């Protein structure tokens, strides 16, 4: 009988954590990340990376700090793993969009640049914005 894959191995969270740990490898070991995130067993990080375990929502703030990432972004990824459509829908209804710190900086700059006039995103502005990202 062939082995089945891990239930969350293809989740965006598993891929994100795996990539982030590789990026942090020059300055901290996976064991250090686990300890900073409050996991007694350093193997828990391996389980999250492989998708054999979910990241509990109450662990997101500590894990985000250990991974040196925006907790809002990590929360969204962890929420995707829950699989509870009603929970995801409720979060969407309440918050519309969870905005990361970097995205909030963009919004503040837009407000400052427009003198708080709440400009519509027209075709010209959209084209200029997309050009910044080579699109």
N, C-alpha and C. Protein backbone atom coordinates (compact mmCIF):
# COMPACT_ATOMS: atom_id res chain seq x y z
N UNK A 1 0.84 -1.17 0.00
CA UNK A 1 0.00 0.00 0.00
C UNK A 1 0.89 1.25 0.00
N UNK A 2 0.71 2.16 -0.98
CA UNK A 2 1.56 3.35 -1.04
C UNK A 2 1.26 4.30 0.12
N UNK A 3 2.31 4.99 0.55
CA UNK A 3 2.15 5.96 1.64
C UNK A 3 1.40 7.18 1.14
N UNK A 4 0.51 7.69 1.97
CA UNK A 4 -0.20 8.91 1.64
C UNK A 4 0.65 10.09 2.07
N UNK A 5 0.47 11.20 1.39
CA UNK A 5 1.19 12.41 1.77
C UNK A 5 0.63 13.00 3.04
N UNK A 6 1.30 14.01 3.53
CA UNK A 6 0.85 14.71 4.73
C UNK A 6 -0.36 15.58 4.38
N UNK A 7 -1.29 15.74 5.30
CA UNK A 7 -2.53 16.45 4.98
C UNK A 7 -2.36 17.91 4.57
N UNK A 8 -1.29 18.56 5.01
CA UNK A 8 -1.10 19.98 4.70
C UNK A 8 0.18 20.25 3.92
N UNK A 9 0.72 19.20 3.28
CA UNK A 9 2.02 19.36 2.63
C UNK A 9 2.01 20.36 1.48
N UNK A 10 0.87 20.57 0.87
CA UNK A 10 0.79 21.51 -0.26
C UNK A 10 0.23 22.86 0.16
N UNK A 11 0.06 23.07 1.46
CA UNK A 11 -0.49 24.34 1.92
C UNK A 11 0.52 25.46 1.73
N UNK A 12 -0.01 26.65 1.55
CA UNK A 12 0.87 27.81 1.41
C UNK A 12 1.69 28.02 2.68
N UNK A 13 1.12 27.68 3.84
CA UNK A 13 1.85 27.85 5.10
C UNK A 13 3.07 26.93 5.15
N UNK A 14 2.90 25.66 4.81
CA UNK A 14 4.03 24.73 4.85
C UNK A 14 5.15 25.20 3.94
N UNK A 15 4.80 25.64 2.76
CA UNK A 15 5.81 26.12 1.80
C UNK A 15 6.47 27.40 2.31
N UNK A 16 5.67 28.29 2.89
CA UNK A 16 6.19 29.55 3.40
C UNK A 16 7.17 29.32 4.55
N UNK A 17 6.79 28.47 5.50
CA UNK A 17 7.65 28.19 6.66
C UNK A 17 8.95 27.53 6.19
N UNK A 18 8.84 26.59 5.28
CA UNK A 18 10.04 25.92 4.75
C UNK A 18 10.99 26.94 4.12
N UNK A 19 10.45 27.81 3.28
CA UNK A 19 11.29 28.82 2.61
C UNK A 19 11.88 29.79 3.62
N UNK A 20 11.08 30.21 4.60
CA UNK A 20 11.57 31.19 5.58
C UNK A 20 12.68 30.61 6.45
N UNK A 21 12.57 29.35 6.80
CA UNK A 21 13.62 28.71 7.60
C UNK A 21 14.92 28.64 6.80
N UNK A 22 14.82 28.37 5.52
CA UNK A 22 16.02 28.37 4.67
C UNK A 22 16.64 29.77 4.62
N UNK A 23 15.79 30.79 4.53
CA UNK A 23 16.30 32.17 4.48
C UNK A 23 16.98 32.56 5.79
N UNK A 24 16.49 32.05 6.90
CA UNK A 24 17.06 32.39 8.21
C UNK A 24 18.25 31.52 8.59
N UNK A 25 18.49 30.45 7.84
CA UNK A 25 19.54 29.48 8.19
C UNK A 25 20.91 30.11 8.47
N UNK A 26 21.32 31.14 7.75
CA UNK A 26 22.64 31.72 8.06
C UNK A 26 22.73 32.33 9.46
N UNK A 27 21.60 32.71 10.04
CA UNK A 27 21.70 33.36 11.35
C UNK A 27 21.02 32.62 12.50
N UNK A 28 20.13 31.66 12.21
CA UNK A 28 19.55 30.88 13.29
C UNK A 28 19.13 29.51 12.81
N UNK A 29 19.31 28.54 13.69
CA UNK A 29 18.98 27.16 13.37
C UNK A 29 17.48 26.93 13.58
N UNK A 30 16.99 25.88 12.97
CA UNK A 30 15.59 25.52 13.11
C UNK A 30 15.23 25.27 14.57
N UNK A 31 16.15 24.70 15.31
CA UNK A 31 15.92 24.46 16.74
C UNK A 31 15.73 25.77 17.49
N UNK A 32 16.51 26.79 17.13
CA UNK A 32 16.38 28.11 17.75
C UNK A 32 15.00 28.71 17.44
N UNK A 33 14.57 28.55 16.21
CA UNK A 33 13.25 29.05 15.81
C UNK A 33 12.16 28.36 16.63
N UNK A 34 12.29 27.05 16.79
CA UNK A 34 11.30 26.30 17.57
C UNK A 34 11.24 26.81 19.01
N UNK A 35 12.40 27.01 19.61
CA UNK A 35 12.44 27.49 20.99
C UNK A 35 11.87 28.90 21.11
N UNK A 36 12.22 29.77 20.16
CA UNK A 36 11.69 31.14 20.17
C UNK A 36 10.17 31.14 20.00
N UNK A 37 9.67 30.19 19.23
CA UNK A 37 8.23 30.09 18.98
C UNK A 37 7.49 29.42 20.14
N UNK A 38 8.24 28.93 21.11
CA UNK A 38 7.62 28.33 22.29
C UNK A 38 7.31 26.85 22.17
N UNK A 39 7.90 26.18 21.20
CA UNK A 39 7.69 24.74 21.06
C UNK A 39 8.73 24.00 21.89
N UNK A 40 8.27 23.13 22.75
CA UNK A 40 9.19 22.33 23.56
C UNK A 40 9.93 21.32 22.71
N UNK A 41 9.24 20.81 21.71
CA UNK A 41 9.83 19.82 20.81
C UNK A 41 10.20 20.51 19.50
N UNK A 42 11.49 20.60 19.21
CA UNK A 42 11.95 21.27 17.99
C UNK A 42 11.44 20.57 16.74
N UNK A 43 11.06 19.31 16.86
CA UNK A 43 10.55 18.56 15.73
C UNK A 43 9.22 19.13 15.22
N UNK A 44 8.53 19.90 16.05
CA UNK A 44 7.25 20.48 15.63
C UNK A 44 7.42 21.36 14.41
N UNK A 45 8.52 22.05 14.30
CA UNK A 45 8.79 22.90 13.13
C UNK A 45 8.90 22.03 11.89
N UNK A 46 9.59 20.90 12.00
CA UNK A 46 9.69 19.97 10.87
C UNK A 46 8.31 19.47 10.46
N UNK A 47 7.46 19.22 11.44
CA UNK A 47 6.11 18.73 11.15
C UNK A 47 5.27 19.80 10.44
N UNK A 48 5.44 21.05 10.83
CA UNK A 48 4.73 22.15 10.17
C UNK A 48 5.24 22.32 8.75
N UNK A 49 6.57 22.28 8.58
CA UNK A 49 7.18 22.41 7.25
C UNK A 49 6.72 21.31 6.30
N UNK A 50 6.64 20.10 6.81
CA UNK A 50 6.29 18.96 5.96
C UNK A 50 4.79 18.87 5.72
N UNK A 51 4.02 19.62 6.50
CA UNK A 51 2.57 19.58 6.35
C UNK A 51 1.91 18.47 7.14
N UNK A 52 2.65 17.81 8.01
CA UNK A 52 2.04 16.75 8.82
C UNK A 52 1.32 17.34 10.04
N UNK A 53 1.59 18.62 10.34
CA UNK A 53 0.92 19.30 11.45
C UNK A 53 0.54 20.70 11.00
N UNK A 54 -0.56 21.20 11.56
CA UNK A 54 -1.00 22.57 11.31
C UNK A 54 -0.35 23.49 12.34
N UNK A 55 -0.28 24.74 11.99
CA UNK A 55 0.15 25.75 12.95
C UNK A 55 -1.11 26.25 13.64
N UNK A 56 -1.20 26.02 14.94
CA UNK A 56 -2.36 26.48 15.70
C UNK A 56 -2.43 28.00 15.68
N UNK A 57 -3.63 28.52 15.56
CA UNK A 57 -3.80 29.97 15.45
C UNK A 57 -3.25 30.71 16.66
N UNK A 58 -3.34 30.13 17.84
CA UNK A 58 -2.81 30.80 19.02
C UNK A 58 -1.28 30.80 19.07
N UNK A 59 -0.65 30.04 18.20
CA UNK A 59 0.82 30.00 18.12
C UNK A 59 1.37 30.98 17.09
N UNK A 60 0.49 31.59 16.31
CA UNK A 60 0.92 32.47 15.22
C UNK A 60 1.80 33.63 15.69
N UNK A 61 1.42 34.39 16.73
CA UNK A 61 2.27 35.53 17.11
C UNK A 61 3.71 35.14 17.45
N UNK A 62 3.88 34.10 18.24
CA UNK A 62 5.23 33.67 18.62
C UNK A 62 6.00 33.11 17.43
N UNK A 63 5.30 32.36 16.59
CA UNK A 63 5.95 31.79 15.41
C UNK A 63 6.36 32.90 14.43
N UNK A 64 5.50 33.89 14.27
CA UNK A 64 5.83 35.01 13.38
C UNK A 64 7.06 35.75 13.89
N UNK A 65 7.12 35.95 15.18
CA UNK A 65 8.29 36.63 15.75
C UNK A 65 9.55 35.81 15.53
N UNK A 66 9.46 34.51 15.76
CA UNK A 66 10.63 33.63 15.57
C UNK A 66 11.06 33.59 14.10
N UNK A 67 10.09 33.63 13.19
CA UNK A 67 10.40 33.59 11.76
C UNK A 67 10.71 34.98 11.19
N UNK A 68 10.51 36.01 12.03
CA UNK A 68 10.75 37.40 11.63
C UNK A 68 9.88 37.77 10.43
N UNK A 69 8.58 37.47 10.56
CA UNK A 69 7.62 37.78 9.51
C UNK A 69 6.42 38.50 10.10
N UNK A 70 5.61 39.06 9.25
CA UNK A 70 4.40 39.76 9.67
C UNK A 70 3.40 38.75 10.23
N UNK A 71 2.94 38.93 11.45
CA UNK A 71 2.00 37.97 12.04
C UNK A 71 0.67 37.91 11.30
N UNK A 72 0.26 38.99 10.70
CA UNK A 72 -1.01 38.99 9.97
C UNK A 72 -0.93 38.05 8.76
N UNK A 73 0.19 38.12 8.05
CA UNK A 73 0.38 37.25 6.89
C UNK A 73 0.40 35.79 7.33
N UNK A 74 1.13 35.50 8.38
CA UNK A 74 1.22 34.13 8.87
C UNK A 74 -0.15 33.65 9.37
N UNK A 75 -0.92 34.54 9.97
CA UNK A 75 -2.26 34.19 10.45
C UNK A 75 -3.15 33.77 9.28
N UNK A 76 -3.11 34.53 8.21
CA UNK A 76 -3.91 34.18 7.03
C UNK A 76 -3.53 32.80 6.52
N UNK A 77 -2.23 32.52 6.45
CA UNK A 77 -1.78 31.20 5.99
C UNK A 77 -2.22 30.10 6.94
N UNK A 78 -2.14 30.36 8.24
CA UNK A 78 -2.57 29.36 9.22
C UNK A 78 -4.09 29.16 9.17
N UNK A 79 -4.80 30.23 8.95
CA UNK A 79 -6.25 30.14 8.85
C UNK A 79 -6.67 29.29 7.66
N UNK A 80 -5.94 29.39 6.56
CA UNK A 80 -6.22 28.56 5.38
C UNK A 80 -6.13 27.08 5.72
N UNK A 81 -5.22 26.72 6.62
CA UNK A 81 -5.03 25.32 6.99
C UNK A 81 -6.16 24.76 7.83
N UNK A 82 -6.92 25.63 8.49
CA UNK A 82 -7.97 25.13 9.38
C UNK A 82 -9.04 24.36 8.63
N UNK A 83 -9.30 24.78 7.38
CA UNK A 83 -10.29 24.09 6.59
C UNK A 83 -11.72 24.39 6.99
N UNK A 84 -11.91 25.24 7.95
CA UNK A 84 -13.26 25.57 8.38
C UNK A 84 -13.77 26.75 7.55
N UNK A 85 -14.56 26.44 6.57
CA UNK A 85 -15.07 27.48 5.67
C UNK A 85 -15.83 28.57 6.42
N UNK A 86 -16.60 28.20 7.43
CA UNK A 86 -17.37 29.21 8.16
C UNK A 86 -16.46 30.15 8.93
N UNK A 87 -15.36 29.63 9.47
CA UNK A 87 -14.41 30.48 10.19
C UNK A 87 -13.75 31.45 9.23
N UNK A 88 -13.32 30.92 8.09
CA UNK A 88 -12.68 31.80 7.10
C UNK A 88 -13.66 32.85 6.61
N UNK A 89 -14.91 32.46 6.39
CA UNK A 89 -15.93 33.41 5.95
C UNK A 89 -16.16 34.48 7.00
N UNK A 90 -16.21 34.08 8.28
CA UNK A 90 -16.44 35.04 9.36
C UNK A 90 -15.29 36.04 9.44
N UNK A 91 -14.07 35.57 9.33
CA UNK A 91 -12.92 36.48 9.36
C UNK A 91 -13.00 37.45 8.18
N UNK A 92 -13.37 36.93 7.02
CA UNK A 92 -13.53 37.80 5.85
C UNK A 92 -14.63 38.83 6.04
N UNK A 93 -15.74 38.42 6.63
CA UNK A 93 -16.85 39.34 6.88
C UNK A 93 -16.47 40.43 7.88
N UNK A 94 -15.73 40.05 8.89
CA UNK A 94 -15.36 41.00 9.94
C UNK A 94 -14.26 41.95 9.50
N UNK A 95 -13.23 41.41 8.86
CA UNK A 95 -12.07 42.22 8.54
C UNK A 95 -11.97 42.62 7.07
N UNK A 96 -12.81 42.08 6.21
CA UNK A 96 -12.76 42.30 4.76
C UNK A 96 -11.43 41.78 4.22
N UNK A 97 -10.35 42.43 4.58
CA UNK A 97 -9.02 41.96 4.17
C UNK A 97 -8.08 42.19 5.34
N UNK A 98 -7.29 41.19 5.63
CA UNK A 98 -6.27 41.35 6.66
C UNK A 98 -5.08 42.00 5.98
N UNK A 99 -4.69 43.14 6.47
CA UNK A 99 -3.65 43.94 5.84
C UNK A 99 -2.35 43.76 6.62
N UNK A 100 -1.29 43.41 5.89
CA UNK A 100 0.01 43.25 6.54
C UNK A 100 0.60 44.62 6.87
N UNK A 101 1.63 44.63 7.67
CA UNK A 101 2.30 45.88 8.03
C UNK A 101 2.83 46.58 6.78
N UNK A 102 3.41 45.81 5.86
CA UNK A 102 3.92 46.41 4.62
C UNK A 102 2.79 47.03 3.80
N UNK A 103 1.66 46.32 3.72
CA UNK A 103 0.52 46.85 2.97
C UNK A 103 -0.03 48.11 3.64
N UNK A 104 -0.05 48.12 4.96
CA UNK A 104 -0.51 49.30 5.70
C UNK A 104 0.39 50.50 5.41
N UNK A 105 1.69 50.26 5.28
CA UNK A 105 2.61 51.34 4.92
C UNK A 105 2.27 51.93 3.55
N UNK A 106 1.91 51.07 2.60
CA UNK A 106 1.50 51.54 1.27
C UNK A 106 0.25 52.41 1.38
N UNK A 107 -0.71 51.96 2.18
CA UNK A 107 -1.96 52.70 2.34
C UNK A 107 -1.69 54.07 2.97
N UNK A 108 -0.86 54.10 4.00
CA UNK A 108 -0.53 55.38 4.64
C UNK A 108 0.16 56.33 3.66
N UNK A 109 1.05 55.79 2.84
CA UNK A 109 1.74 56.63 1.85
C UNK A 109 0.75 57.16 0.82
N UNK A 110 -0.19 56.32 0.41
CA UNK A 110 -1.22 56.74 -0.55
C UNK A 110 -2.06 57.88 0.06
N UNK A 111 -2.43 57.73 1.32
CA UNK A 111 -3.22 58.78 1.99
C UNK A 111 -2.44 60.08 2.07
N UNK A 112 -1.15 59.98 2.40
CA UNK A 112 -0.32 61.17 2.50
C UNK A 112 -0.12 61.82 1.13
N UNK A 113 0.18 61.00 0.13
CA UNK A 113 0.43 61.54 -1.22
C UNK A 113 -0.82 62.19 -1.81
N UNK A 114 -1.99 61.69 -1.44
CA UNK A 114 -3.24 62.23 -1.99
C UNK A 114 -3.87 63.28 -1.08
N UNK A 115 -3.16 63.66 -0.02
CA UNK A 115 -3.69 64.61 0.96
C UNK A 115 -5.03 64.15 1.53
N UNK A 116 -5.16 62.83 1.67
CA UNK A 116 -6.36 62.28 2.28
C UNK A 116 -7.63 62.45 1.46
N UNK A 117 -7.50 62.57 0.14
CA UNK A 117 -8.68 62.81 -0.70
C UNK A 117 -9.42 61.55 -1.09
N UNK A 118 -8.95 60.37 -0.68
CA UNK A 118 -9.59 59.10 -1.00
C UNK A 118 -9.80 58.94 -2.51
N UNK A 119 -8.71 58.98 -3.28
CA UNK A 119 -8.86 58.91 -4.74
C UNK A 119 -9.30 57.51 -5.21
N UNK A 120 -10.08 57.50 -6.27
CA UNK A 120 -10.47 56.23 -6.88
C UNK A 120 -9.27 55.64 -7.61
N UNK A 121 -9.25 54.32 -7.71
CA UNK A 121 -8.19 53.65 -8.47
C UNK A 121 -8.64 53.63 -9.92
N UNK A 122 -8.21 54.61 -10.69
CA UNK A 122 -8.59 54.67 -12.11
C UNK A 122 -7.57 53.91 -12.95
N UNK A 123 -7.82 53.85 -14.23
CA UNK A 123 -6.96 53.10 -15.15
C UNK A 123 -5.53 53.63 -15.14
N UNK A 124 -5.37 54.95 -15.14
CA UNK A 124 -4.03 55.55 -15.17
C UNK A 124 -3.25 55.20 -13.90
N UNK A 125 -3.90 55.31 -12.74
CA UNK A 125 -3.24 54.99 -11.49
C UNK A 125 -2.90 53.51 -11.40
N UNK A 126 -3.83 52.67 -11.84
CA UNK A 126 -3.59 51.22 -11.84
C UNK A 126 -2.39 50.87 -12.71
N UNK A 127 -2.32 51.48 -13.90
CA UNK A 127 -1.20 51.23 -14.83
C UNK A 127 0.12 51.66 -14.21
N UNK A 128 0.12 52.83 -13.57
CA UNK A 128 1.35 53.33 -12.92
C UNK A 128 1.78 52.41 -11.79
N UNK A 129 0.83 51.97 -10.99
CA UNK A 129 1.15 51.07 -9.88
C UNK A 129 1.70 49.74 -10.38
N UNK A 130 1.06 49.17 -11.38
CA UNK A 130 1.53 47.89 -11.92
C UNK A 130 2.90 48.03 -12.57
N UNK A 131 3.19 49.18 -13.14
CA UNK A 131 4.51 49.43 -13.75
C UNK A 131 5.62 49.36 -12.70
N UNK A 132 5.30 49.76 -11.46
CA UNK A 132 6.29 49.68 -10.38
C UNK A 132 6.77 48.24 -10.18
N UNK A 133 5.89 47.29 -10.46
CA UNK A 133 6.19 45.88 -10.25
C UNK A 133 6.48 45.14 -11.55
N UNK A 134 6.69 45.91 -12.62
CA UNK A 134 7.06 45.30 -13.90
C UNK A 134 5.94 44.52 -14.56
N UNK A 135 4.70 44.95 -14.31
CA UNK A 135 3.56 44.25 -14.92
C UNK A 135 2.84 45.14 -15.89
